[in-house]
Protein backbone atom coordinates (compact mmCIF):
# COMPACT_ATOMS: atom_id res chain seq x y z
CA MET A 1 197.53 145.50 -34.97
CA LYS A 2 198.89 145.38 -31.61
CA PRO A 3 202.56 146.07 -31.16
CA PHE A 4 204.83 143.42 -29.33
CA ARG A 5 207.15 144.37 -26.35
CA ARG A 6 209.73 147.00 -27.16
CA GLU A 7 208.65 147.04 -31.06
CA THR A 8 209.48 150.95 -31.12
CA ALA A 9 212.76 150.61 -29.30
CA LEU A 10 214.00 147.89 -31.73
CA TYR A 11 212.87 149.76 -34.90
CA LEU A 12 214.96 152.73 -33.53
CA LEU A 13 217.75 150.54 -32.98
CA ALA A 14 217.49 149.18 -36.50
CA PHE A 15 217.67 152.90 -37.56
CA VAL A 16 220.45 153.78 -35.42
CA LEU A 17 222.39 150.91 -36.95
CA ALA A 18 221.48 151.87 -40.37
CA LEU A 19 222.60 155.51 -39.74
CA ALA A 20 225.87 154.38 -38.06
CA VAL A 21 226.98 152.09 -41.00
CA ARG A 22 226.28 154.94 -43.57
CA LEU A 23 227.90 157.85 -41.73
CA ILE A 24 231.19 156.12 -40.65
CA ARG A 25 233.95 157.24 -43.04
CA LEU A 26 231.44 158.62 -45.32
CA GLY A 27 233.82 161.37 -46.68
CA ALA A 28 236.92 159.11 -46.67
CA TRP A 29 237.08 158.50 -50.31
CA PRO A 30 236.91 160.94 -53.18
CA LEU A 31 233.81 161.17 -55.44
CA THR A 32 233.53 159.42 -58.66
CA ASP A 33 232.58 161.27 -61.81
CA LEU A 34 228.88 160.35 -61.43
CA GLU A 35 228.73 161.58 -57.87
CA ALA A 36 230.63 164.73 -58.56
CA LYS A 37 228.37 165.52 -61.41
CA TRP A 38 225.46 165.89 -59.22
CA ALA A 39 227.56 167.48 -56.27
CA LEU A 40 228.79 170.09 -58.57
CA GLN A 41 225.24 170.96 -59.44
CA ALA A 42 224.14 171.18 -55.71
CA LEU A 43 227.34 173.48 -55.20
CA GLY A 44 226.31 175.66 -57.94
CA VAL A 45 222.85 176.05 -56.46
CA ALA A 46 224.26 176.87 -52.92
CA GLN A 47 226.51 179.53 -54.64
CA GLY A 48 223.82 181.16 -56.40
CA THR A 49 225.08 180.39 -59.98
CA GLN A 50 221.77 178.91 -61.06
CA PRO A 51 223.39 175.75 -63.05
CA ALA A 52 221.39 173.66 -65.44
CA LEU A 53 220.06 170.69 -63.26
CA GLY A 54 220.02 167.19 -64.50
CA SER A 55 217.47 164.61 -63.71
CA GLN A 56 218.10 164.26 -59.89
CA PRO A 57 216.86 167.53 -58.39
CA ALA A 58 215.62 165.87 -55.16
CA TYR A 59 219.21 165.18 -54.35
CA VAL A 60 220.70 168.33 -55.86
CA LEU A 61 218.42 170.75 -54.05
CA LEU A 62 218.55 169.09 -50.66
CA THR A 63 222.34 168.83 -50.72
CA SER A 64 222.63 172.40 -51.59
CA ILE A 65 220.98 173.30 -48.57
CA PHE A 66 223.76 171.77 -46.44
CA PHE A 67 226.36 173.17 -48.70
CA PHE A 68 225.06 176.68 -48.25
CA ILE A 69 224.73 176.25 -44.27
CA PHE A 70 228.16 174.94 -44.04
CA GLY A 71 229.58 177.54 -46.42
CA GLY A 72 230.98 175.08 -49.05
CA GLY A 73 230.96 171.40 -50.36
CA THR A 74 232.88 168.51 -48.76
CA ASN A 75 232.83 164.74 -49.55
CA PHE A 76 230.87 164.03 -46.63
CA LEU A 77 227.91 166.56 -47.09
CA ALA A 78 227.77 165.45 -50.80
CA ARG A 79 226.82 162.00 -49.62
CA PHE A 80 225.07 163.08 -46.35
CA VAL A 81 221.44 163.48 -47.76
CA PRO A 82 221.62 159.82 -49.43
CA ALA A 83 222.99 158.52 -46.22
CA LEU A 84 220.20 159.86 -43.83
CA ILE A 85 217.51 159.08 -46.21
CA GLY A 86 218.85 155.62 -46.93
CA SER A 87 218.75 155.15 -42.92
CA ALA A 88 214.91 156.07 -42.95
CA LEU A 89 214.46 152.78 -45.15
CA ALA A 90 214.74 150.85 -41.78
CA PHE A 91 211.24 152.47 -40.85
CA VAL A 92 209.52 151.26 -43.94
CA PRO A 93 208.75 147.73 -42.76
CA PHE A 94 206.76 149.34 -39.77
CA LEU A 95 204.38 150.81 -42.35
CA PHE A 96 203.60 147.26 -43.86
CA ARG A 97 203.33 145.43 -40.56
CA GLU A 98 199.75 144.44 -41.39
CA ARG A 99 200.62 142.90 -44.52
CA LEU A 100 203.88 141.22 -43.58
CA ARG A 101 203.14 140.63 -39.74
CA PRO A 102 205.04 142.23 -36.86
CA ARG A 103 208.02 139.97 -36.47
CA PRO A 104 209.04 139.52 -40.11
CA SER A 105 208.68 143.25 -40.43
CA LEU A 106 211.05 143.94 -37.63
CA ILE A 107 213.60 141.35 -38.86
CA LEU A 108 213.16 143.06 -42.38
CA ALA A 109 214.16 146.38 -40.72
CA PHE A 110 217.62 145.07 -39.80
CA PHE A 111 217.88 143.25 -43.10
CA LEU A 112 217.22 146.62 -44.91
CA ALA A 113 219.57 148.41 -42.50
CA LEU A 114 222.71 146.23 -43.05
CA ASP A 115 222.10 144.97 -46.68
CA PRO A 116 225.50 145.47 -48.55
CA GLY A 117 223.75 146.88 -51.74
CA LEU A 118 221.50 149.30 -50.02
CA VAL A 119 224.34 150.52 -47.84
CA ALA A 120 226.31 151.16 -50.90
CA LEU A 121 223.67 153.18 -52.50
CA SER A 122 223.12 155.04 -49.33
CA ARG A 123 226.80 156.16 -49.33
CA GLN A 124 226.77 157.38 -52.96
CA ALA A 125 225.98 161.07 -53.89
CA GLY A 126 222.87 160.74 -56.04
CA SER A 127 218.97 159.98 -55.84
CA SER A 128 218.82 156.27 -56.37
CA ILE A 129 218.26 155.52 -52.78
CA LEU A 130 216.19 158.58 -52.48
CA ALA A 131 213.84 157.18 -55.06
CA ILE A 132 213.40 153.83 -53.32
CA THR A 133 212.80 155.38 -49.73
CA PHE A 134 210.32 157.86 -50.72
CA LEU A 135 208.32 155.58 -52.92
CA PHE A 136 208.00 153.21 -50.16
CA PHE A 137 207.23 155.73 -47.76
CA ALA A 138 204.59 157.00 -50.16
CA TRP A 139 202.91 153.51 -50.65
CA GLY A 140 203.23 153.06 -47.01
CA PHE A 141 201.54 156.23 -46.00
CA TRP A 142 198.85 155.47 -48.66
CA GLU A 143 198.23 152.11 -46.75
CA LYS A 144 197.80 153.89 -43.47
CA LYS A 145 195.25 156.29 -45.04
CA ASN A 146 197.51 159.32 -44.53
CA THR A 147 196.92 160.65 -47.79
CA ARG A 148 198.65 163.98 -47.12
CA TRP A 149 202.00 162.44 -46.41
CA ALA A 150 201.44 159.96 -49.25
CA GLY A 151 201.16 162.82 -51.48
CA ILE A 152 204.40 164.53 -50.04
CA PHE A 153 206.52 161.50 -50.58
CA ALA A 154 205.26 160.70 -54.03
CA GLY A 155 206.17 164.26 -55.09
CA LEU A 156 209.61 163.66 -53.48
CA ALA A 157 209.86 160.51 -55.35
CA LEU A 158 209.12 161.95 -58.65
CA LEU A 159 211.91 164.50 -58.14
CA SER A 160 214.45 161.57 -57.38
CA GLY A 161 215.36 160.65 -61.07
CA PRO A 162 215.30 157.81 -63.45
CA ALA A 163 215.59 155.10 -60.71
CA LEU A 164 212.19 155.73 -59.83
CA TRP A 165 210.84 154.62 -63.07
CA ALA A 166 212.52 151.04 -62.86
CA GLY A 167 210.79 150.67 -59.49
CA LEU A 168 207.39 151.78 -60.65
CA LEU A 169 207.49 149.66 -63.92
CA GLY A 170 208.33 146.67 -61.57
CA LEU A 171 205.18 147.31 -59.30
CA GLY A 172 203.15 147.95 -62.32
CA LEU A 173 204.04 144.64 -63.99
CA THR A 174 203.70 142.94 -60.78
CA TRP A 175 200.15 144.34 -60.10
CA ALA A 176 198.94 143.66 -63.64
CA ILE A 177 200.11 139.91 -63.32
CA ARG A 178 198.41 139.71 -60.04
CA GLN A 179 195.17 140.87 -61.35
CA ALA A 180 195.17 138.41 -64.13
CA TRP A 181 196.55 135.47 -61.86
CA GLU A 182 194.20 135.95 -58.79
CA ARG A 183 191.26 136.74 -60.96
CA GLY A 184 189.81 133.35 -60.11
CA LEU A 185 190.51 133.48 -56.28
CA ARG A 186 188.42 134.37 -53.50
CA THR A 187 190.09 137.36 -51.82
CA GLU A 188 188.44 140.21 -49.96
CA SER A 189 188.01 143.14 -52.01
CA ALA A 190 189.77 146.10 -50.84
CA GLN A 191 187.84 149.33 -50.38
CA SER A 192 188.42 151.74 -53.12
CA PRO A 193 189.89 154.99 -51.80
CA ALA A 194 187.35 157.87 -51.88
CA ARG A 195 187.66 160.66 -54.42
CA SER A 196 188.71 163.14 -51.62
CA GLU A 197 191.59 160.94 -50.63
CA TRP A 198 192.80 160.80 -54.31
CA LEU A 199 192.54 164.63 -54.57
CA SER A 200 194.17 165.26 -51.25
CA ALA A 201 197.26 163.11 -52.16
CA LEU A 202 197.36 164.77 -55.58
CA TRP A 203 197.40 168.18 -54.39
CA PHE A 204 199.90 167.61 -51.56
CA GLY A 205 201.99 165.90 -54.47
CA ILE A 206 201.77 168.97 -56.54
CA GLY A 207 202.58 171.19 -53.84
CA THR A 208 205.71 169.21 -53.07
CA LEU A 209 206.65 169.18 -56.76
CA VAL A 210 206.17 172.89 -57.19
CA PHE A 211 207.85 174.08 -53.82
CA GLY A 212 210.36 171.28 -53.39
CA GLY A 213 211.44 171.06 -57.09
CA THR A 214 212.14 174.80 -56.93
CA LEU A 215 213.42 175.00 -53.20
CA PHE A 216 210.74 177.40 -52.45
CA PHE A 217 211.27 179.31 -55.88
CA LEU A 218 215.20 179.93 -55.15
CA SER A 219 216.01 177.40 -57.96
CA PRO A 220 213.17 177.60 -60.63
CA ASN A 221 214.76 175.53 -63.14
CA GLY A 222 214.60 172.55 -60.73
CA LEU A 223 210.85 172.26 -61.71
CA SER A 224 211.50 171.15 -65.25
CA ALA A 225 214.50 169.02 -64.52
CA TRP A 226 212.52 166.08 -62.98
CA MET A 227 210.58 165.62 -66.34
CA SER A 228 213.86 164.51 -67.78
CA ALA A 229 214.07 161.48 -65.54
CA LEU A 230 211.68 159.38 -67.65
CA PRO A 231 213.30 160.14 -71.00
CA GLU A 232 216.80 159.35 -69.37
CA TYR A 233 215.46 155.93 -68.17
CA ILE A 234 213.92 155.07 -71.55
CA ALA A 235 217.03 156.09 -73.33
CA GLY A 236 218.74 153.18 -71.08
CA TRP A 237 216.74 150.66 -73.07
CA GLN A 238 218.86 151.72 -76.18
CA ASN A 239 222.38 152.45 -74.67
CA PRO A 240 224.05 149.13 -73.22
CA SER A 241 226.18 149.75 -70.28
CA GLY A 242 228.54 146.79 -70.96
CA PHE A 243 227.83 145.30 -67.51
CA SER A 244 226.77 141.85 -68.38
CA PHE A 245 223.82 139.64 -67.62
CA GLY A 246 226.17 137.16 -65.73
CA PHE A 247 227.68 139.80 -63.65
CA LEU A 248 224.42 141.05 -62.22
CA LEU A 249 223.44 137.44 -61.34
CA PHE A 250 226.99 136.82 -59.98
CA SER A 251 226.80 139.97 -57.80
CA LEU A 252 223.56 138.95 -56.46
CA VAL A 253 225.19 135.58 -55.18
CA VAL A 254 228.28 137.15 -53.99
CA TYR A 255 226.67 140.29 -52.00
CA GLN A 256 223.21 138.72 -50.85
CA PRO A 257 223.65 135.01 -50.28
CA LEU A 258 221.81 135.00 -46.96
CA ALA A 259 218.80 136.69 -48.69
CA LEU A 260 219.07 134.41 -51.69
CA ILE A 261 219.14 131.13 -49.65
CA LEU A 262 216.42 132.06 -47.21
CA GLY A 263 214.31 133.58 -49.89
CA LEU A 264 214.42 130.45 -52.04
CA ILE A 265 213.46 128.36 -49.10
CA ALA A 266 210.55 130.44 -48.47
CA LEU A 267 209.54 130.64 -52.13
CA VAL A 268 209.62 126.77 -52.37
CA ARG A 269 207.56 126.24 -48.93
CA GLY A 270 205.08 129.04 -49.72
CA TRP A 271 204.19 127.87 -53.16
CA ARG A 272 203.95 124.35 -51.85
CA TYR A 273 201.56 125.26 -48.99
CA GLY A 274 199.71 127.92 -51.21
CA SER A 275 200.89 131.01 -49.22
CA LEU A 276 199.39 134.01 -51.02
CA ARG A 277 201.83 136.44 -49.15
CA VAL A 278 204.86 134.54 -50.24
CA LYS A 279 203.41 133.94 -53.99
CA ARG A 280 203.02 137.86 -54.43
CA LEU A 281 206.50 138.70 -53.08
CA SER A 282 208.04 136.09 -55.08
CA LEU A 283 206.32 137.43 -58.35
CA TRP A 284 207.45 140.88 -57.43
CA ALA A 285 210.90 139.53 -57.04
CA LEU A 286 211.05 137.69 -60.10
CA VAL A 287 209.73 140.86 -62.20
CA THR A 288 212.09 143.22 -60.80
CA LEU A 289 215.06 140.68 -61.40
CA LEU A 290 214.07 140.08 -64.87
CA LEU A 291 213.63 143.99 -65.52
CA ALA A 292 217.19 144.43 -63.98
CA LEU A 293 218.73 141.72 -66.22
CA PHE A 294 217.15 142.77 -69.41
CA TYR A 295 217.50 146.44 -69.15
CA PRO A 296 220.66 147.22 -71.48
CA ALA A 297 221.90 150.08 -69.33
CA ARG A 298 222.06 147.46 -66.36
CA GLN A 299 224.11 148.13 -63.30
CA ALA A 300 224.36 146.22 -59.95
CA SER A 301 222.22 149.16 -58.45
CA GLY A 302 219.52 148.12 -60.58
CA LEU A 303 218.81 145.07 -58.21
CA ALA A 304 218.00 147.44 -55.44
CA TRP A 305 214.38 147.05 -56.20
CA MET A 306 214.46 143.38 -55.99
CA LEU A 307 216.24 143.20 -52.62
CA ILE A 308 213.00 144.48 -50.85
CA PRO A 309 210.72 141.51 -51.72
CA LEU A 310 213.95 139.32 -51.46
CA TRP A 311 214.67 140.23 -47.96
CA SER A 312 210.91 140.29 -47.01
CA LEU A 313 210.73 136.55 -48.17
CA ALA A 314 213.96 135.92 -46.09
CA ALA A 315 212.42 137.45 -42.90
CA LEU A 316 209.15 135.38 -43.38
CA GLU A 317 211.45 132.26 -43.36
CA LEU A 318 213.61 133.40 -40.36
CA THR A 319 210.57 134.23 -38.35
CA ARG A 320 209.45 130.59 -38.94
CA ASN A 321 212.54 129.15 -37.43
CA LEU A 322 212.49 131.44 -34.23
CA ASN A 323 210.17 129.17 -32.34
CA ILE A 324 212.70 126.74 -30.63
CA PHE A 325 211.01 124.52 -27.98
CA ARG A 326 212.79 124.36 -24.76
CA GLU A 327 213.46 120.41 -24.99
CA GLU A 328 215.02 120.64 -28.20
CA ARG A 329 217.33 123.70 -27.63
CA VAL A 330 220.42 121.36 -26.59
CA GLU A 331 220.05 119.35 -29.94
CA VAL A 332 219.51 122.66 -32.15
CA LEU A 333 222.48 124.31 -30.37
CA GLY A 334 224.57 121.32 -31.22
CA VAL A 335 223.88 121.24 -34.73
CA VAL A 336 224.42 125.08 -34.95
CA SER A 337 227.81 124.68 -33.26
CA LEU A 338 228.77 121.93 -35.40
CA SER A 339 227.54 123.74 -38.58
CA VAL A 340 229.40 127.07 -37.78
CA LEU A 341 232.71 125.07 -37.05
CA ILE A 342 232.87 122.97 -40.32
CA LEU A 343 231.60 126.15 -42.42
CA THR A 344 234.33 128.24 -40.70
CA PHE A 345 236.88 125.54 -41.47
CA SER A 346 235.73 125.34 -45.25
CA TRP A 347 236.11 129.10 -45.58
CA LEU A 348 239.64 128.87 -44.08
CA ASP A 349 240.69 126.19 -46.38
CA PHE A 350 239.14 128.39 -49.34
CA LEU A 351 241.43 131.09 -48.35
CA ALA A 352 244.48 128.92 -48.23
CA LEU A 353 243.21 127.54 -51.61
CA ILE A 354 243.33 130.73 -53.52
CA GLN A 355 246.89 131.56 -52.56
CA LEU A 356 248.30 128.18 -53.97
CA PRO A 357 249.59 127.61 -57.25
CA VAL A 358 247.58 125.86 -59.76
CA PRO A 359 247.89 122.85 -60.68
CA SER A 360 249.88 121.55 -57.56
CA ASP A 361 249.56 118.78 -55.13
CA GLN A 362 248.62 120.96 -52.35
CA THR A 363 245.88 122.45 -54.49
CA ALA A 364 244.15 119.12 -54.80
CA LEU A 365 244.69 118.53 -51.44
CA ARG A 366 242.98 121.79 -50.35
CA MET A 367 239.94 120.96 -52.89
CA GLY A 368 239.38 117.48 -51.27
CA LEU A 369 239.31 119.03 -47.83
CA LEU A 370 236.88 121.61 -48.97
CA PHE A 371 234.45 119.20 -50.69
CA GLY A 372 235.21 116.80 -47.87
CA SER A 373 234.33 119.24 -45.03
CA LEU A 374 230.96 120.29 -46.94
CA PHE A 375 229.99 116.59 -47.36
CA LEU A 376 230.65 115.82 -43.73
CA LEU A 377 228.30 118.75 -42.90
CA VAL A 378 225.55 117.10 -45.07
CA VAL A 379 226.17 113.83 -43.44
CA SER A 380 226.14 115.10 -40.03
CA ILE A 381 222.85 117.05 -40.55
CA LEU A 382 221.02 113.78 -41.93
CA LEU A 383 222.34 111.83 -38.99
CA VAL A 384 220.81 114.17 -36.55
CA ALA A 385 217.43 113.97 -38.62
CA VAL A 386 217.61 110.41 -38.12
CA GLY A 387 218.79 110.13 -34.85
CA TRP A 388 217.07 113.08 -33.12
CA SER A 389 214.70 114.72 -35.12
CA ILE A 390 214.17 116.25 -38.58
CA ARG A 391 213.00 119.52 -36.89
CA SER A 392 216.14 119.87 -34.81
CA ALA A 393 218.10 119.25 -37.88
CA ARG A 394 216.44 121.74 -40.05
CA LEU A 395 216.50 124.54 -37.21
CA GLY A 396 220.24 123.82 -36.38
CA ALA A 397 221.27 123.65 -40.07
CA ILE A 398 219.34 127.25 -40.99
CA TRP A 399 220.63 129.05 -37.86
CA GLY A 400 224.28 127.82 -38.32
CA LEU A 401 223.99 128.94 -42.00
CA VAL A 402 222.51 132.38 -40.86
CA ALA A 403 225.33 132.65 -38.23
CA VAL A 404 228.15 132.27 -40.77
CA LEU A 405 226.53 133.95 -43.79
CA SER A 406 225.67 137.03 -41.55
CA VAL A 407 229.25 137.56 -40.70
CA TYR A 408 230.01 137.12 -44.34
CA SER A 409 227.25 139.74 -45.07
CA LEU A 410 228.79 142.04 -42.79
CA GLY A 411 232.19 141.82 -44.66
CA ALA A 412 230.40 142.22 -47.82
CA MET A 413 228.77 145.32 -46.41
CA PHE A 414 231.91 147.00 -45.34
CA GLY A 415 233.54 146.26 -48.78
CA ALA A 416 230.62 147.68 -50.73
CA GLY A 417 229.86 150.74 -48.63
CA GLY A 418 233.70 151.65 -48.61
CA LEU A 419 234.15 151.11 -44.87
CA ARG A 420 237.51 149.22 -45.15
CA ALA A 421 240.81 150.95 -44.77
CA SER A 422 241.61 150.76 -48.48
CA PRO A 423 238.92 150.60 -51.28
CA GLY A 424 238.43 147.59 -53.21
CA SER A 425 236.76 146.76 -56.62
CA GLU A 426 233.08 146.56 -56.09
CA PHE A 427 230.15 145.73 -58.32
CA TRP A 428 228.22 148.21 -56.42
CA SER A 429 230.61 151.09 -56.98
CA SER A 430 229.32 154.24 -58.85
CA GLY A 431 232.10 154.44 -61.13
CA ALA A 432 236.06 154.49 -61.37
CA LEU A 433 237.70 155.87 -58.20
CA PRO A 434 240.32 158.38 -58.43
CA ALA A 435 243.45 157.04 -57.21
CA GLU A 436 246.02 159.86 -56.40
CA GLU A 437 243.73 162.71 -55.90
CA TYR A 438 245.30 163.88 -52.62
CA LEU A 439 248.78 163.90 -54.15
CA LEU A 440 247.31 165.81 -57.16
CA LEU A 441 245.53 168.55 -55.17
CA THR A 442 248.70 168.89 -52.78
CA THR A 443 250.81 169.63 -55.76
CA VAL A 444 248.46 172.07 -57.09
CA ASP A 445 247.99 173.91 -53.80
CA GLN A 446 251.65 174.02 -52.95
CA VAL A 447 252.37 175.51 -56.35
CA SER A 448 249.76 178.13 -55.76
CA ASP A 449 250.96 179.03 -52.39
CA TRP A 450 254.54 179.59 -53.65
CA SER A 451 253.44 181.70 -56.44
CA LYS A 452 250.67 183.65 -55.02
CA THR A 453 250.96 183.15 -51.19
CA ASN A 454 247.32 181.32 -51.35
CA VAL A 455 246.72 177.83 -51.95
CA ASN A 456 243.54 178.55 -54.00
CA ALA A 457 244.77 181.63 -55.95
CA GLN A 458 246.12 180.08 -59.24
CA PRO A 459 243.62 179.37 -61.86
CA ILE A 460 243.67 175.80 -63.49
CA THR A 461 242.87 175.08 -67.03
CA ILE A 462 241.87 171.44 -67.79
CA VAL A 463 242.42 170.40 -71.26
CA GLY A 464 240.65 167.61 -73.16
CA ILE A 465 239.57 165.72 -70.02
CA LYS A 466 235.95 165.19 -69.18
CA SER A 467 235.95 164.52 -65.53
CA PRO A 468 233.45 165.88 -63.01
CA ALA A 469 235.43 164.31 -60.18
CA LEU A 470 238.61 166.57 -61.16
CA GLU A 471 236.52 169.62 -61.12
CA TRP A 472 235.05 168.81 -57.91
CA LEU A 473 238.46 168.06 -56.31
CA LEU A 474 239.65 171.54 -57.70
CA ARG A 475 236.56 173.29 -56.72
CA LYS A 476 238.22 175.94 -54.75
CA HIS A 477 240.19 177.03 -57.52
CA LYS A 478 238.98 178.81 -60.48
CA VAL A 479 238.78 175.99 -63.09
CA GLU A 480 238.38 176.34 -66.80
CA VAL A 481 237.67 173.29 -69.03
CA VAL A 482 238.38 173.41 -72.59
CA ASP A 483 238.86 170.85 -75.54
CA SER A 484 242.11 172.19 -76.76
CA LEU A 485 244.67 174.82 -75.54
CA ASP A 486 244.99 178.25 -77.10
CA VAL A 487 248.66 178.64 -78.26
CA SER A 488 248.65 182.43 -77.57
CA VAL A 489 247.85 181.99 -73.74
CA SER A 490 250.03 180.57 -71.08
CA PRO A 491 247.79 179.69 -68.33
CA PRO A 492 249.73 179.13 -64.82
CA ILE A 493 248.61 175.48 -64.13
CA ILE A 494 247.39 173.09 -66.97
CA ILE A 495 245.97 169.53 -66.53
CA THR A 496 246.10 167.42 -69.70
CA THR A 497 246.07 163.65 -70.63
CA GLU A 498 249.00 161.52 -70.95
CA GLN A 499 250.48 162.49 -74.35
CA ASP A 500 253.19 164.16 -76.10
CA ASN A 501 253.02 168.12 -75.26
CA PRO A 502 256.05 169.40 -76.93
CA GLY A 503 254.41 173.04 -76.74
CA LEU A 504 254.22 172.64 -72.93
CA ALA A 505 257.50 170.85 -72.36
CA ALA A 506 259.59 173.87 -73.15
CA GLY A 507 257.89 176.43 -70.69
CA TYR A 508 256.37 174.11 -68.11
CA ARG A 509 257.17 171.21 -65.91
CA GLY A 510 255.06 168.46 -65.86
CA GLN A 511 254.07 165.70 -63.30
CA GLY A 512 252.02 162.56 -64.08
CA PHE A 513 249.31 161.23 -61.66
CA VAL A 514 247.36 158.12 -61.72
CA TRP A 515 243.56 159.45 -61.91
CA ARG A 516 240.91 156.90 -62.78
CA GLN A 517 241.46 153.33 -62.32
CA GLN A 518 238.98 150.74 -63.65
CA PRO A 519 238.47 147.04 -62.82
CA LEU A 520 239.01 144.63 -65.63
CA TRP A 521 235.95 142.63 -65.12
CA GLY A 522 235.84 141.03 -68.68
CA ASN A 523 239.42 139.87 -68.43
CA ALA A 524 239.30 138.27 -65.07
CA LEU A 525 240.27 134.61 -64.96
CA LEU A 526 239.01 131.91 -62.56
CA PRO A 527 242.01 132.90 -59.87
CA ASP A 528 241.43 136.43 -60.18
CA TRP A 529 237.63 135.77 -59.24
CA MET A 530 238.32 133.72 -56.35
CA SER A 531 240.63 136.18 -54.95
CA TRP A 532 238.14 139.09 -55.55
CA ILE A 533 235.55 136.99 -53.46
CA VAL A 534 237.90 137.03 -50.45
CA PHE A 535 239.90 140.55 -50.96
CA ARG A 536 237.89 142.46 -53.43
CA GLN A 537 241.08 142.94 -55.56
CA MET A 538 240.71 142.77 -59.28
CA PRO A 539 243.56 143.80 -62.05
CA GLN A 540 242.97 147.18 -63.14
CA THR A 541 243.33 149.55 -66.01
CA SER A 542 244.78 152.95 -64.93
CA GLU A 543 244.48 156.47 -66.77
CA THR A 544 247.26 159.05 -66.03
CA ILE A 545 246.81 162.72 -66.31
CA ILE A 546 249.51 165.28 -66.30
CA VAL A 547 249.64 168.58 -64.15
CA TRP A 548 251.79 171.17 -66.04
CA VAL A 549 253.12 174.12 -64.14
CA ARG A 550 254.58 177.32 -65.77
CA SER A 551 258.26 177.44 -65.10
CA ASP A 552 258.50 180.64 -63.70
CA LEU A 553 256.22 179.71 -60.57
CA PHE A 554 258.63 177.49 -59.05
CA ILE A 555 260.93 178.67 -55.88
CA ASP A 556 263.93 177.97 -58.08
CA SER A 557 262.83 180.22 -60.81
CA THR A 558 264.91 183.20 -61.48
CA GLY A 559 262.08 184.92 -63.35
CA MET A 560 259.41 187.32 -62.02
CA LYS A 561 256.54 185.96 -60.69
CA PRO A 562 253.04 186.82 -61.86
């Protein structure tokens, strides 16, 4: 298909934007327990300790290369590989431009570059975004008849963990339903791939599994690690996560309202006029949504597979509204301006509303203004449709909505991706975020420096705390994790849970630190949810841990230092 003017440059622009929003402040926040679990494995590989690898060898082995090159692990490097590969997702629509058409494909590239959920996944240490990107690259190169690269990316996808199997199951069910549904339709039969093409892809896929899965035989246990991904995904069907059905749907509405509205408009229009492309995309979106909803171990990240077809539908609908005739531009611009003005006023009124006590006279007034302004917008659009034209009213309303929701989506992206000055409570988070990690590390390093003249010299014993994030934070120290403390030993620094420790109180000095904080989603009331939509703040429960330092290590101690 012939490219249009500056198409390549625009795809590069989408990639640069995607890379920018994924790299800015990438290492600003500490790793969560789930992130640290994989980062510690990568650090072990880089240091040559041959750790047992989990179900995401692609992330672990690729990240270990950067840890080795730079001489150690940092929060930024731990998240660098997902950020880089997640940015490459902006190139995926180019591989499917024949199926989707050039202009919708280009719009889709920008949607994927800036989607809040995909940005959040790309800024987390782990292989979920790797599975999505590698699988679509494998599919895209297969479409392009480039079987070698298709095999390579398929092999990388298989190394990317349990998230791959959720995507494959969604694609497989969609394909099966399509075959039964389109059996009676007259469609051109696709040419079956030749045996040589299958063999080429197979051999390159196997080669990628062998060489990539072992890091060219430097980490042989990575070859078997990828096979644990499927059992881990299947186990999720038996282990509920506690993330409710309603939360998942609510997160879709809150984080992707632009995609949802444009996608639904495209869906209705496509089914009404019999668009086969829209029907297929909507079927795929529905199947992946239902899989995410009914998967017991559901998380917001499970919606990532649905976002691809949903944003594709949105891109098709937006493309349809690009063609504005010269003689109707003034009318359309007027409707856009009016829509933006009224919607902005409604949002500002909502901001004031959530800060008022309920019930009160001011609250009732604000509610009346909110619904009145939205009613005024609807009436105004109807008057434009009657007085000027339905087309001008439709185009103005859609572009006004797109303008306002685009700004909202950027704000949601900044929140979900951790780009704000202070972290909020997000559905797309990979877990509880450590709160006072900097103070804890500073305290431990200072005590170590006082007693050994080296901030990393003193060993640390962690008692009864299962937190990979804590081990990652203290990775420059010698760390030992035990279930209970041996009474016959007196380690210099001990970290325990918040509980009475009479044995430690005699010979140690302790300081408490807030460690993990978890949003109380299930206990939130309506005012809490309204405040969360705007400020991403939610009541939280905190876990406190205590750092115990042996008394003779302090500067004011009269005893001999070890």
